[in-house]
Amino acid sequence: MEEADERRPGIADALYRAFALSLAATTFVFLFNNYLVFWHGWPGVADIFSGAGATFLAWLQVAGYVIPVVAIIVFALRNRERPFASDAALLYSVTAYVIAAAFWSTFFIGIVDGVLSFLRVEGLLPAVFGKKLAQQLGVSSFRGVYVHLPLMLAAAVVAYYRRGLDFIWLALLVVVAEFQIVIARFIFSYEQAFMGDLVRFWYAALFLFASAHTLVAGGHVRVDVLYTHFSDRRKALVNAWGSILLGVPLCWTILAVGMAGKASVINSPLLYFETSQSGYGLYVKYLMAGFLAVYAVSMMTQFLAYYLDAMAVLRGQSPSEPVHEPA
């Protein structure tokens, strides 16, 4: 990552691009392997180091890491003329999609789970869904699999067609949710646990998802003494090293610690569909643990996009500019 004049891309440039894209691919493979290990009982990559001998599934998981990395390196070497900006734009797009899907999931689940919780509190679930289904909707694992998961899939589809990140509306919803608590409590003397849970659910999403969204939009406030006076190349050098040495390790630390085992801070709530102890609240506490993984992944891809844009400047190329659709 040294300063250089404009020149024809070579092997070094291809490897720089492959390095960033491989890190991004490895992150998603890690998440998928985590799902296979803790939800479906696969042995995990560590099984190949056990004295009993590795199983076929363990080697298959190892291949899941190796094959994408090798494919990315081969692709980068065969397309040396491909500018850094193209790969940076790809990672910007991935970041935008992940955040948009997370936003729509939070929005849909908050509304639907809030309605179900209200009906359950008021004893109306049997009248609407029947006695058997009403009992099942009172079980967190059932609601997670048959209500939340379909809503997440629907959110993924919506996010594909609408990349606008409508966090201003999520902020408004937080205010509205808090306002209705005030009105219900002080005017109608009515308050239930799910009402406060909805505020916390949306606020947690706003705080964690909007961090990466603001990074995508370049909206974070930079307070510095030296950086402002740097040349474009020196700024790019700082951004490149900062992304790789500070940003990416932070994201990997969150994922590695939070998903190290069944009892880890992210895995445990997700595995057991953890709910709050307040009673008759929203069944979304386990999803709030998953917010940490979404935060880490979205920030990771964004830091890598920053790295590639910085390398574009250092190599005399034009950096990419993420395209933001109107909200």
Protein backbone atom coordinates (compact mmCIF):
# COMPACT_ATOMS: atom_id res chain seq x y z
CA MET A 1 0.00 0.00 0.00
CA GLU A 2 2.62 2.51 -1.09
CA GLU A 3 2.08 5.70 -3.02
CA ALA A 4 2.46 5.20 -6.73
CA ASP A 5 2.00 7.01 -9.99
CA GLU A 6 -0.68 6.09 -12.45
CA ARG A 7 0.34 2.92 -14.27
CA ARG A 8 -0.97 -0.28 -15.77
CA PRO A 9 -2.36 -2.65 -13.13
CA GLY A 10 -0.08 -5.61 -12.37
CA ILE A 11 0.03 -8.69 -10.18
CA ALA A 12 0.34 -6.65 -6.98
CA ASP A 13 -2.86 -4.73 -7.74
CA ALA A 14 -4.69 -7.97 -8.49
CA LEU A 15 -3.56 -9.43 -5.16
CA TYR A 16 -4.62 -6.31 -3.27
CA ARG A 17 -8.10 -6.69 -4.74
CA ALA A 18 -8.14 -10.43 -4.09
CA PHE A 19 -7.14 -9.81 -0.48
CA ALA A 20 -10.14 -7.56 0.20
CA LEU A 21 -12.64 -9.71 -1.67
CA SER A 22 -11.33 -12.87 0.01
CA LEU A 23 -11.85 -11.33 3.45
CA ALA A 24 -15.42 -10.47 2.53
CA ALA A 25 -16.11 -13.95 1.14
CA THR A 26 -14.53 -15.60 4.19
CA THR A 27 -16.83 -13.61 6.46
CA PHE A 28 -19.96 -14.98 4.79
CA VAL A 29 -18.53 -18.51 4.72
CA PHE A 30 -17.82 -18.20 8.45
CA LEU A 31 -21.45 -17.26 9.11
CA PHE A 32 -22.72 -20.17 7.03
CA ASN A 33 -20.38 -22.62 8.75
CA ASN A 34 -21.48 -21.28 12.12
CA TYR A 35 -25.05 -22.09 11.11
CA LEU A 36 -24.09 -25.60 10.00
CA VAL A 37 -22.14 -26.34 13.18
CA PHE A 38 -24.53 -25.04 15.84
CA TRP A 39 -27.88 -25.55 14.14
CA HIS A 40 -27.25 -28.78 12.23
CA GLY A 41 -24.46 -30.45 14.18
CA TRP A 42 -21.72 -30.36 11.55
CA PRO A 43 -18.23 -30.98 13.02
CA GLY A 44 -16.60 -27.69 12.08
CA VAL A 45 -13.19 -26.88 10.61
CA ALA A 46 -11.42 -27.61 13.92
CA ASP A 47 -12.33 -31.27 13.47
CA ILE A 48 -9.48 -31.73 10.99
CA PHE A 49 -7.00 -31.11 13.81
CA SER A 50 -8.54 -33.72 16.10
CA GLY A 51 -6.68 -36.93 16.72
CA ALA A 52 -9.66 -39.06 15.70
CA GLY A 53 -9.36 -38.04 12.08
CA ALA A 54 -11.40 -35.51 10.16
CA THR A 55 -14.78 -36.39 8.74
CA PHE A 56 -15.94 -35.71 5.22
CA LEU A 57 -18.18 -32.88 6.44
CA ALA A 58 -15.23 -31.20 8.15
CA TRP A 59 -13.20 -31.26 4.94
CA LEU A 60 -16.24 -29.98 3.06
CA GLN A 61 -16.36 -27.00 5.42
CA VAL A 62 -12.63 -26.40 4.89
CA ALA A 63 -13.24 -26.46 1.14
CA GLY A 64 -15.94 -23.85 1.70
CA TYR A 65 -13.19 -21.46 2.76
CA VAL A 66 -10.50 -22.50 0.30
CA ILE A 67 -12.46 -22.69 -2.95
CA PRO A 68 -13.90 -19.11 -2.87
CA VAL A 69 -10.50 -17.66 -1.97
CA VAL A 70 -8.74 -19.54 -4.78
CA ALA A 71 -11.50 -18.57 -7.24
CA ILE A 72 -11.20 -14.91 -6.25
CA ILE A 73 -7.41 -14.94 -6.64
CA VAL A 74 -7.65 -16.58 -10.08
CA PHE A 75 -10.33 -14.11 -11.14
CA ALA A 76 -8.27 -11.15 -9.95
CA LEU A 77 -5.13 -12.35 -11.74
CA ARG A 78 -7.03 -12.94 -14.97
CA ASN A 79 -8.69 -9.52 -14.82
CA ARG A 80 -5.78 -7.30 -13.86
CA GLU A 81 -7.21 -4.41 -15.83
CA ARG A 82 -10.33 -4.36 -13.67
CA PRO A 83 -10.20 -1.13 -11.61
CA PHE A 84 -10.31 -1.09 -7.83
CA ALA A 85 -13.44 1.05 -8.06
CA SER A 86 -15.44 -1.81 -9.60
CA ASP A 87 -14.75 -4.11 -6.65
CA ALA A 88 -15.31 -1.31 -4.17
CA ALA A 89 -18.70 -0.60 -5.76
CA LEU A 90 -19.54 -4.30 -5.47
CA LEU A 91 -18.82 -4.25 -1.73
CA TYR A 92 -20.78 -1.00 -1.33
CA SER A 93 -23.72 -2.76 -2.96
CA VAL A 94 -23.37 -5.78 -0.65
CA THR A 95 -23.29 -3.49 2.39
CA ALA A 96 -26.34 -1.59 1.22
CA TYR A 97 -28.28 -4.81 0.62
CA VAL A 98 -27.41 -6.32 4.02
CA ILE A 99 -28.48 -3.16 5.82
CA ALA A 100 -31.65 -2.78 3.76
CA ALA A 101 -32.66 -6.41 4.39
CA ALA A 102 -32.01 -5.97 8.11
CA PHE A 103 -34.04 -2.76 8.18
CA TRP A 104 -37.07 -4.27 6.45
CA SER A 105 -36.87 -7.38 8.65
CA THR A 106 -36.91 -5.21 11.75
CA PHE A 107 -39.81 -3.16 10.44
CA PHE A 108 -41.98 -6.13 9.42
CA ILE A 109 -41.26 -8.19 12.53
CA GLY A 110 -41.83 -5.24 14.87
CA ILE A 111 -45.27 -4.56 13.42
CA VAL A 112 -46.44 -8.18 13.17
CA ASP A 113 -45.02 -9.31 16.51
CA GLY A 114 -46.50 -6.23 18.18
CA VAL A 115 -49.96 -7.10 16.86
CA LEU A 116 -49.62 -10.74 17.94
CA SER A 117 -48.45 -9.70 21.40
CA PHE A 118 -51.37 -7.30 21.77
CA LEU A 119 -53.85 -10.01 20.78
CA ARG A 120 -52.20 -12.43 23.22
CA VAL A 121 -52.33 -9.94 26.10
CA GLU A 122 -56.00 -9.23 25.49
CA GLY A 123 -56.86 -12.90 25.08
CA LEU A 124 -57.92 -12.48 21.45
CA LEU A 125 -55.50 -14.94 19.81
CA PRO A 126 -57.85 -17.97 20.10
CA ALA A 127 -60.69 -16.01 18.52
CA VAL A 128 -58.52 -14.94 15.60
CA PHE A 129 -56.31 -17.99 15.00
CA GLY A 130 -58.01 -20.82 16.89
CA LYS A 131 -57.04 -22.35 20.21
CA LYS A 132 -54.27 -24.67 18.98
CA LEU A 133 -52.49 -22.07 16.84
CA ALA A 134 -52.89 -19.48 19.58
CA GLN A 135 -51.04 -21.77 21.98
CA GLN A 136 -48.28 -22.34 19.43
CA LEU A 137 -47.89 -18.60 18.85
CA GLY A 138 -47.15 -18.31 22.56
CA VAL A 139 -44.00 -20.43 22.08
CA SER A 140 -40.94 -18.41 21.05
CA SER A 141 -39.43 -21.12 18.82
CA PHE A 142 -42.71 -21.52 16.89
CA ARG A 143 -43.11 -17.80 16.41
CA GLY A 144 -39.48 -17.46 15.36
CA VAL A 145 -39.63 -20.20 12.73
CA TYR A 146 -43.15 -19.70 11.35
CA VAL A 147 -43.62 -15.96 11.76
CA HIS A 148 -40.26 -14.20 11.96
CA LEU A 149 -38.39 -16.29 9.39
CA PRO A 150 -40.98 -15.81 6.59
CA LEU A 151 -40.97 -12.09 7.34
CA MET A 152 -37.18 -12.05 7.01
CA LEU A 153 -37.42 -13.77 3.63
CA ALA A 154 -40.01 -11.24 2.52
CA ALA A 155 -37.72 -8.45 3.74
CA ALA A 156 -34.83 -9.89 1.72
CA VAL A 157 -36.98 -9.73 -1.42
CA VAL A 158 -38.14 -6.18 -0.70
CA ALA A 159 -34.54 -5.10 -0.04
CA TYR A 160 -33.47 -6.46 -3.41
CA TYR A 161 -35.91 -4.18 -5.23
CA ARG A 162 -35.62 -1.25 -2.86
CA ARG A 163 -32.10 -0.35 -1.77
CA GLY A 164 -33.12 3.00 -0.32
CA LEU A 165 -32.14 2.92 3.36
CA ASP A 166 -35.11 4.48 5.10
CA PHE A 167 -33.61 4.95 8.54
CA ILE A 168 -35.29 8.32 8.89
CA TRP A 169 -38.56 6.37 9.00
CA LEU A 170 -37.19 3.95 11.57
CA ALA A 171 -36.21 6.91 13.73
CA LEU A 172 -39.75 8.27 13.33
CA LEU A 173 -41.19 4.87 14.28
CA VAL A 174 -39.12 4.86 17.49
CA VAL A 175 -40.58 8.25 18.39
CA VAL A 176 -44.11 7.13 17.53
CA ALA A 177 -43.74 3.92 19.54
CA GLU A 178 -42.53 5.88 22.57
CA PHE A 179 -45.24 8.50 22.12
CA GLN A 180 -48.01 5.90 22.10
CA ILE A 181 -46.69 4.57 25.41
CA VAL A 182 -47.00 8.03 26.92
CA ILE A 183 -50.52 8.53 25.54
CA ALA A 184 -51.68 5.05 26.58
CA ARG A 185 -50.20 5.33 30.08
CA PHE A 186 -51.23 8.82 31.08
CA ILE A 187 -54.55 9.14 29.24
CA PHE A 188 -55.90 5.58 29.13
CA SER A 189 -53.92 4.09 32.05
CA TYR A 190 -52.90 1.23 29.75
CA GLU A 191 -49.39 -0.17 29.37
CA GLN A 192 -48.06 -3.59 28.40
CA ALA A 193 -44.56 -5.06 28.23
CA PHE A 194 -44.60 -5.46 24.46
CA MET A 195 -44.93 -1.70 24.02
CA GLY A 196 -41.59 -1.00 25.67
CA ASP A 197 -40.03 -4.00 23.90
CA LEU A 198 -41.00 -2.51 20.54
CA VAL A 199 -39.22 0.74 21.34
CA ARG A 200 -36.06 -1.11 22.39
CA PHE A 201 -36.21 -3.40 19.36
CA TRP A 202 -36.42 -0.57 16.86
CA TYR A 203 -33.95 1.62 18.72
CA ALA A 204 -31.34 -1.16 18.81
CA ALA A 205 -31.79 -1.62 15.06
CA LEU A 206 -31.52 2.11 14.47
CA PHE A 207 -28.32 2.37 16.49
CA LEU A 208 -26.51 -0.66 15.04
CA PHE A 209 -27.70 -0.66 11.43
CA ALA A 210 -27.49 3.09 10.96
CA SER A 211 -23.79 3.03 11.89
CA ALA A 212 -22.93 1.12 8.74
CA HIS A 213 -25.52 3.04 6.74
CA THR A 214 -23.93 6.34 7.78
CA LEU A 215 -20.54 4.93 6.81
CA VAL A 216 -21.93 4.02 3.37
CA ALA A 217 -23.36 7.51 2.99
CA GLY A 218 -20.17 9.17 4.25
CA GLY A 219 -22.12 10.89 7.00
CA HIS A 220 -19.89 10.23 10.01
CA VAL A 221 -18.28 13.32 11.52
CA ARG A 222 -14.48 13.21 11.34
CA VAL A 223 -12.76 15.22 14.06
CA ASP A 224 -9.05 15.54 13.37
CA VAL A 225 -6.10 17.87 13.43
CA LEU A 226 -3.80 16.34 10.82
CA TYR A 227 -5.98 14.45 8.34
CA THR A 228 -7.68 17.52 6.89
CA HIS A 229 -4.35 18.90 5.71
CA PHE A 230 -3.15 15.67 4.10
CA SER A 231 -2.95 15.25 0.34
CA ASP A 232 -5.40 12.89 -1.35
CA ARG A 233 -2.76 10.19 -1.55
CA ARG A 234 -1.81 10.48 2.10
CA LYS A 235 -5.47 10.39 3.10
CA ALA A 236 -5.88 7.25 1.02
CA LEU A 237 -2.87 5.70 2.75
CA VAL A 238 -4.37 6.44 6.18
CA ASN A 239 -7.75 5.06 5.12
CA ALA A 240 -6.23 1.89 3.67
CA TRP A 241 -4.15 1.04 6.73
CA GLY A 242 -6.85 2.16 9.12
CA SER A 243 -9.45 -0.07 7.48
CA ILE A 244 -7.21 -3.15 7.51
CA LEU A 245 -5.50 -2.70 10.89
CA LEU A 246 -8.35 -1.19 12.93
CA GLY A 247 -11.74 -1.63 11.23
CA VAL A 248 -11.58 -5.22 9.95
CA PRO A 249 -10.04 -6.70 13.16
CA LEU A 250 -12.78 -5.05 15.23
CA CYS A 251 -15.50 -6.67 13.12
CA TRP A 252 -13.80 -10.07 13.20
CA THR A 253 -13.44 -9.83 16.97
CA ILE A 254 -17.19 -9.29 17.34
CA LEU A 255 -17.94 -12.31 15.14
CA ALA A 256 -15.27 -14.59 16.63
CA VAL A 257 -16.17 -13.86 20.25
CA GLY A 258 -19.92 -13.69 19.70
CA MET A 259 -20.04 -16.95 17.72
CA ALA A 260 -17.32 -19.00 19.37
CA GLY A 261 -19.70 -21.58 20.85
CA LYS A 262 -23.27 -22.41 21.82
CA ALA A 263 -23.03 -20.25 24.94
CA SER A 264 -21.57 -17.24 23.12
CA VAL A 265 -23.33 -13.90 23.29
CA ILE A 266 -24.71 -14.07 19.73
CA ASN A 267 -25.22 -17.80 19.25
CA SER A 268 -26.93 -18.61 22.54
CA PRO A 269 -29.96 -16.29 22.17
CA LEU A 270 -30.40 -17.27 18.52
CA LEU A 271 -30.21 -21.01 19.21
CA TYR A 272 -32.81 -20.94 21.96
CA PHE A 273 -35.04 -18.12 20.65
CA GLU A 274 -34.44 -16.20 23.84
CA THR A 275 -37.21 -13.87 25.01
CA SER A 276 -37.40 -11.22 27.71
CA GLN A 277 -38.52 -12.14 31.22
CA SER A 278 -41.12 -9.38 31.37
CA GLY A 279 -43.95 -11.68 30.27
CA TYR A 280 -46.32 -11.03 27.35
CA GLY A 281 -43.65 -9.00 25.60
CA LEU A 282 -42.31 -9.22 22.07
CA TYR A 283 -40.52 -12.43 21.14
CA VAL A 284 -37.60 -10.61 19.55
CA LYS A 285 -34.83 -10.56 22.15
CA TYR A 286 -32.92 -13.27 20.27
CA LEU A 287 -33.00 -11.12 17.13
CA MET A 288 -31.40 -8.24 18.99
CA ALA A 289 -28.39 -10.49 19.64
CA GLY A 290 -28.28 -11.13 15.89
CA PHE A 291 -28.11 -7.38 15.34
CA LEU A 292 -24.47 -7.56 16.50
CA ALA A 293 -23.64 -9.97 13.68
CA VAL A 294 -25.39 -7.75 11.13
CA TYR A 295 -23.45 -4.76 12.45
CA ALA A 296 -20.12 -6.60 12.21
CA VAL A 297 -20.75 -7.93 8.69
CA SER A 298 -22.02 -4.63 7.27
CA MET A 299 -19.15 -2.68 8.80
CA MET A 300 -16.67 -5.31 7.56
CA THR A 301 -17.74 -5.05 3.93
CA GLN A 302 -17.80 -1.28 4.18
CA PHE A 303 -14.27 -1.10 5.61
CA LEU A 304 -13.06 -3.34 2.79
CA ALA A 305 -14.76 -1.09 0.24
CA TYR A 306 -12.95 1.87 1.82
CA TYR A 307 -9.70 -0.04 1.51
CA LEU A 308 -10.24 -0.67 -2.20
CA ASP A 309 -11.17 2.94 -2.84
CA ALA A 310 -8.04 4.05 -1.01
CA MET A 311 -5.96 1.67 -3.14
CA ALA A 312 -7.56 3.14 -6.24
CA VAL A 313 -6.28 6.58 -5.26
CA LEU A 314 -2.82 5.23 -4.41
CA ARG A 315 -2.66 3.52 -7.81
CA GLY A 316 -3.73 6.62 -9.71
CA GLN A 317 -7.24 5.39 -10.45
CA SER A 318 -10.57 7.03 -9.79
CA PRO A 319 -12.31 5.84 -6.59
CA SER A 320 -15.85 4.62 -6.70
CA GLU A 321 -18.78 6.62 -5.42
CA PRO A 322 -21.56 4.52 -3.85
CA VAL A 323 -24.89 5.11 -5.54
CA HIS A 324 -27.64 6.12 -3.11
CA GLU A 325 -31.20 5.76 -4.26
CA PRO A 326 -33.69 8.26 -2.91
CA ALA A 327 -35.43 7.21 0.28
